[in-house]
Structures are given as C-alpha cells and as structure tokens.
Amino acid sequence: MKKKVKIVIGGTFYGDYFGEVDERPGYFFGKPKGQGTLKTKEGTYVGEVQLGGLPCGKGTFNYLDGSKYTGDFKSGVWSGKGNLTFDDGEGYVGEFKKGKPHGFGKDYDAKGNIIYEGQHEKGNFHGKGIFISKEVKFVGELKKNKFYEGEVTNKNTGEKHIYKKGKVIKVIRVN
C-alpha cells in the first residue's frame, strides 16, 4: 500500500514521504518502509527507506545545491558503494562510510578526468593511491591528503621528488 506521510524524527519535522508503508497491525502500521520518495529541506530522495522513513538501501538523493548521490544508504547517510557528483561536475565514485568517502574510490574533475585513485579514510586521501594534477603526478602513500611515501613527478620538467615519512628525501633533476 502506498501512502503520504509526514516524517518526524526526535520531535523535529524531517520531510514528506510518499511510498510503501508497513501494514503490520500495531505501532508500525502506516509507518514508511520500502520504496518511496522523501522530500526534505535538503532535497529529494527516491529509493529504499527503513522503518520510520530514513534512506536505507539503494537510492538517489538530489540535493537543492545541485549535487547528487546515487548508491547505498544506511540510517540516512551515505554508506557502501556510491557515486557523488557536485553541481560543478566534480565528483567521487567508490566506497562511503558514515557519509564520507572511505575505502577505495576515484575522485574526478568537472571534465571527468581522474585526479585521485586510491584509498580514502574519513573523507581524506589516505593510503595507497595515485594523485594527478596539471603539474604533477604522485604515486605512493598519502596520509590525510598529504604525500607521505612515494614519488612526485613534475609533468613539465620531469623533476622527481622522493618522499619518505612526509618529507622530501631526494630530488632528481632532469637536464
């Protein structure tokens, strides 16, 4: 059965829901559960919801600022595999945990060029990966968005900087 329901969480209005509801008699009767559409002050979500109306499972959230997330949700936040695209065309595709990139993924620019491919932790480049900009390419390990161990190559000059424990230990100049 499909129904329109107002979602209130912790005494605060969360959004309007239209979709499947629980049909079990008692406390759960009429509460959002299954497939539906949820309109909140942040945007519109279409997909699976857990009992009570929070996004849980597979779905798409179109945000009012123009960004869009398609993928897995858990208790209302991005969790699992997903694709996040910002209004300017930049984005991330990969694993999420507690609403942030966490695990393996790829960050890309507005033209679709990969700027980072590798491990993420709590939204940061963290672990083994490849970072690419117009000027440099880094291959190695990053910690909290900083080069930690690996090699940075300047694309224009060919000069290489070797990193160990976050510091440049060697510079190789090309003539």
Protein backbone atom coordinates (compact mmCIF):
# COMPACT_ATOMS: atom_id res chain seq x y z
CA MET A 1 0.00 0.00 0.00
CA LYS A 2 1.31 3.50 -0.85
CA LYS A 3 0.62 6.43 1.39
CA LYS A 4 1.67 10.04 2.03
CA VAL A 5 3.22 10.51 5.49
CA LYS A 6 4.96 13.36 7.36
CA ILE A 7 8.27 12.19 8.86
CA VAL A 8 9.15 13.47 12.35
CA ILE A 9 12.46 12.43 13.93
CA GLY A 10 13.24 13.36 17.52
CA GLY A 11 10.27 15.73 17.58
CA THR A 12 11.54 17.66 14.53
CA PHE A 13 9.88 17.64 11.10
CA TYR A 14 12.20 15.80 8.68
CA GLY A 15 10.22 15.65 5.44
CA ASP A 16 7.25 14.46 3.40
CA TYR A 17 7.25 10.84 2.28
CA PHE A 18 5.18 9.12 -0.36
CA GLY A 19 5.58 5.40 -0.88
CA GLU A 20 5.24 2.00 0.69
CA VAL A 21 4.29 1.76 4.36
CA ASP A 22 4.31 -1.00 6.95
CA GLU A 23 0.99 -2.85 7.02
CA ARG A 24 1.54 -4.81 10.24
CA PRO A 25 -1.08 -4.03 12.88
CA GLY A 26 0.02 -2.07 15.93
CA TYR A 27 2.71 0.54 16.43
CA PHE A 28 4.35 0.10 12.99
CA PHE A 29 1.14 0.35 10.95
CA GLY A 30 1.32 3.14 8.38
CA LYS A 31 4.98 3.99 9.01
CA PRO A 32 7.23 4.41 5.95
CA LYS A 33 9.07 1.23 4.95
CA GLY A 34 10.15 0.02 1.49
CA GLN A 35 10.30 2.07 -1.74
CA GLY A 36 9.32 5.71 -1.75
CA THR A 37 10.05 9.37 -2.31
CA LEU A 38 11.16 11.62 0.52
CA LYS A 39 11.24 15.43 0.21
CA THR A 40 13.31 17.23 2.85
CA LYS A 41 14.76 20.70 3.33
CA GLU A 42 17.97 19.36 1.70
CA GLY A 43 16.39 17.91 -1.45
CA THR A 44 14.57 14.85 -2.77
CA TYR A 45 15.41 11.20 -2.15
CA VAL A 46 13.98 8.32 -4.19
CA GLY A 47 14.69 4.76 -3.10
CA GLU A 48 14.50 2.34 -0.21
CA VAL A 49 13.69 3.56 3.29
CA GLN A 50 13.95 1.86 6.65
CA LEU A 51 11.06 1.76 9.08
CA GLY A 52 10.43 5.36 10.04
CA GLY A 53 11.42 6.88 6.70
CA LEU A 54 15.20 7.35 6.69
CA PRO A 55 17.03 6.41 3.46
CA CYS A 56 18.38 2.88 3.86
CA GLY A 57 19.40 0.59 0.99
CA LYS A 58 19.73 1.76 -2.60
CA GLY A 59 18.58 5.19 -3.70
CA THR A 60 19.27 8.60 -5.21
CA PHE A 61 19.33 11.91 -3.35
CA ASN A 62 19.13 15.07 -5.47
CA TYR A 63 20.24 17.99 -3.29
CA LEU A 64 18.96 21.54 -3.66
CA ASP A 65 22.52 22.82 -4.25
CA GLY A 66 22.69 20.76 -7.47
CA SER A 67 24.76 17.86 -6.13
CA LYS A 68 23.56 14.28 -6.44
CA TYR A 69 24.36 11.00 -4.66
CA THR A 70 23.34 7.62 -6.06
CA GLY A 71 24.17 4.47 -4.14
CA ASP A 72 23.87 2.81 -0.76
CA PHE A 73 22.46 4.47 2.36
CA LYS A 74 22.43 3.34 5.97
CA SER A 75 20.26 5.14 8.56
CA GLY A 76 20.00 8.21 6.33
CA VAL A 77 23.70 8.61 5.42
CA TRP A 78 25.90 7.51 2.52
CA SER A 79 27.32 4.10 3.38
CA GLY A 80 28.57 1.41 1.00
CA LYS A 81 29.17 1.96 -2.72
CA GLY A 82 28.06 5.17 -4.35
CA ASN A 83 28.58 7.99 -6.81
CA LEU A 84 28.62 11.62 -5.63
CA THR A 85 28.51 14.40 -8.23
CA PHE A 86 28.73 18.08 -7.29
CA ASP A 87 26.92 20.89 -9.10
CA ASP A 88 30.16 21.90 -10.88
CA GLY A 89 30.61 18.38 -12.33
CA GLU A 90 33.38 17.23 -9.98
CA GLY A 91 32.76 14.07 -8.03
CA TYR A 92 33.71 10.81 -6.41
CA VAL A 93 32.78 7.22 -7.13
CA GLY A 94 33.65 4.47 -4.67
CA GLU A 95 33.09 3.40 -1.10
CA PHE A 96 31.49 5.50 1.63
CA LYS A 97 31.22 5.16 5.40
CA LYS A 98 29.22 7.45 7.70
CA GLY A 99 28.60 9.94 4.89
CA LYS A 100 32.24 10.32 3.75
CA PRO A 101 34.50 8.66 1.17
CA HIS A 102 36.09 5.73 2.98
CA GLY A 103 37.80 2.79 1.25
CA PHE A 104 38.74 2.58 -2.42
CA GLY A 105 37.49 5.25 -4.80
CA LYS A 106 38.15 7.69 -7.62
CA ASP A 107 37.86 11.47 -7.46
CA TYR A 108 37.32 13.24 -10.76
CA ASP A 109 37.25 16.80 -12.08
CA ALA A 110 34.44 18.56 -13.97
CA LYS A 111 35.70 17.14 -17.28
CA GLY A 112 35.64 13.57 -15.95
CA ASN A 113 39.43 13.28 -15.60
CA ILE A 114 40.56 11.23 -12.62
CA ILE A 115 42.51 13.37 -10.15
CA TYR A 116 42.92 10.71 -7.47
CA GLU A 117 42.50 6.96 -7.47
CA GLY A 118 43.13 5.03 -4.29
CA GLN A 119 42.29 4.67 -0.63
CA HIS A 120 40.26 7.17 1.39
CA GLU A 121 39.71 7.45 5.11
CA LYS A 122 37.05 9.69 6.69
CA GLY A 123 36.88 11.81 3.53
CA ASN A 124 40.66 12.21 3.10
CA PHE A 125 43.12 10.75 0.58
CA HIS A 126 44.71 8.21 2.91
CA GLY A 127 46.60 5.08 1.92
CA LYS A 128 47.98 3.86 -1.40
CA GLY A 129 46.95 5.93 -4.38
CA ILE A 130 47.74 7.99 -7.45
CA PHE A 131 47.20 11.77 -7.42
CA ILE A 132 47.24 13.66 -10.72
CA SER A 133 47.09 17.42 -11.32
CA LYS A 134 48.04 19.59 -14.30
CA GLU A 135 51.56 19.98 -12.93
CA VAL A 136 52.39 16.77 -11.03
CA LYS A 137 51.72 13.07 -10.67
CA PHE A 138 52.20 11.34 -7.31
CA VAL A 139 52.34 7.56 -6.90
CA GLY A 140 52.59 6.14 -3.41
CA GLU A 141 51.02 6.53 0.00
CA LEU A 142 49.16 9.57 1.30
CA LYS A 143 48.17 10.42 4.87
CA LYS A 144 45.35 12.90 5.50
CA ASN A 145 45.64 14.39 1.98
CA LYS A 146 49.44 14.81 2.17
CA PHE A 147 52.17 12.97 0.27
CA TYR A 148 53.74 10.50 2.70
CA GLU A 149 55.81 7.86 0.88
CA GLY A 150 56.28 7.77 -2.86
CA GLU A 151 57.34 9.73 -5.91
CA VAL A 152 56.12 13.06 -7.29
CA THR A 153 56.95 13.79 -10.92
CA ASN A 154 56.66 17.29 -12.36
CA LYS A 155 54.93 16.80 -15.73
CA ASN A 156 56.58 19.89 -17.26
CA THR A 157 60.20 19.44 -16.16
CA GLY A 158 60.42 15.71 -15.41
CA GLU A 159 61.92 16.54 -11.99
CA LYS A 160 61.16 13.93 -9.34
CA HIS A 161 60.77 14.31 -5.59
CA ILE A 162 61.04 11.19 -3.46
CA TYR A 163 59.01 11.26 -0.22
CA LYS A 164 59.61 9.25 2.97
CA LYS A 165 57.53 9.80 6.11
CA GLY A 166 56.05 13.00 4.69
CA LYS A 167 59.36 14.66 3.79
CA VAL A 168 61.27 15.03 0.54
CA ILE A 169 64.44 12.94 0.92
CA LYS A 170 65.71 13.17 -2.64
CA VAL A 171 65.27 15.38 -5.69
CA ILE A 172 66.14 14.06 -9.14
CA ARG A 173 66.63 16.81 -11.71
CA VAL A 174 66.35 16.14 -15.43
CA ASN A 175 68.53 18.20 -17.82
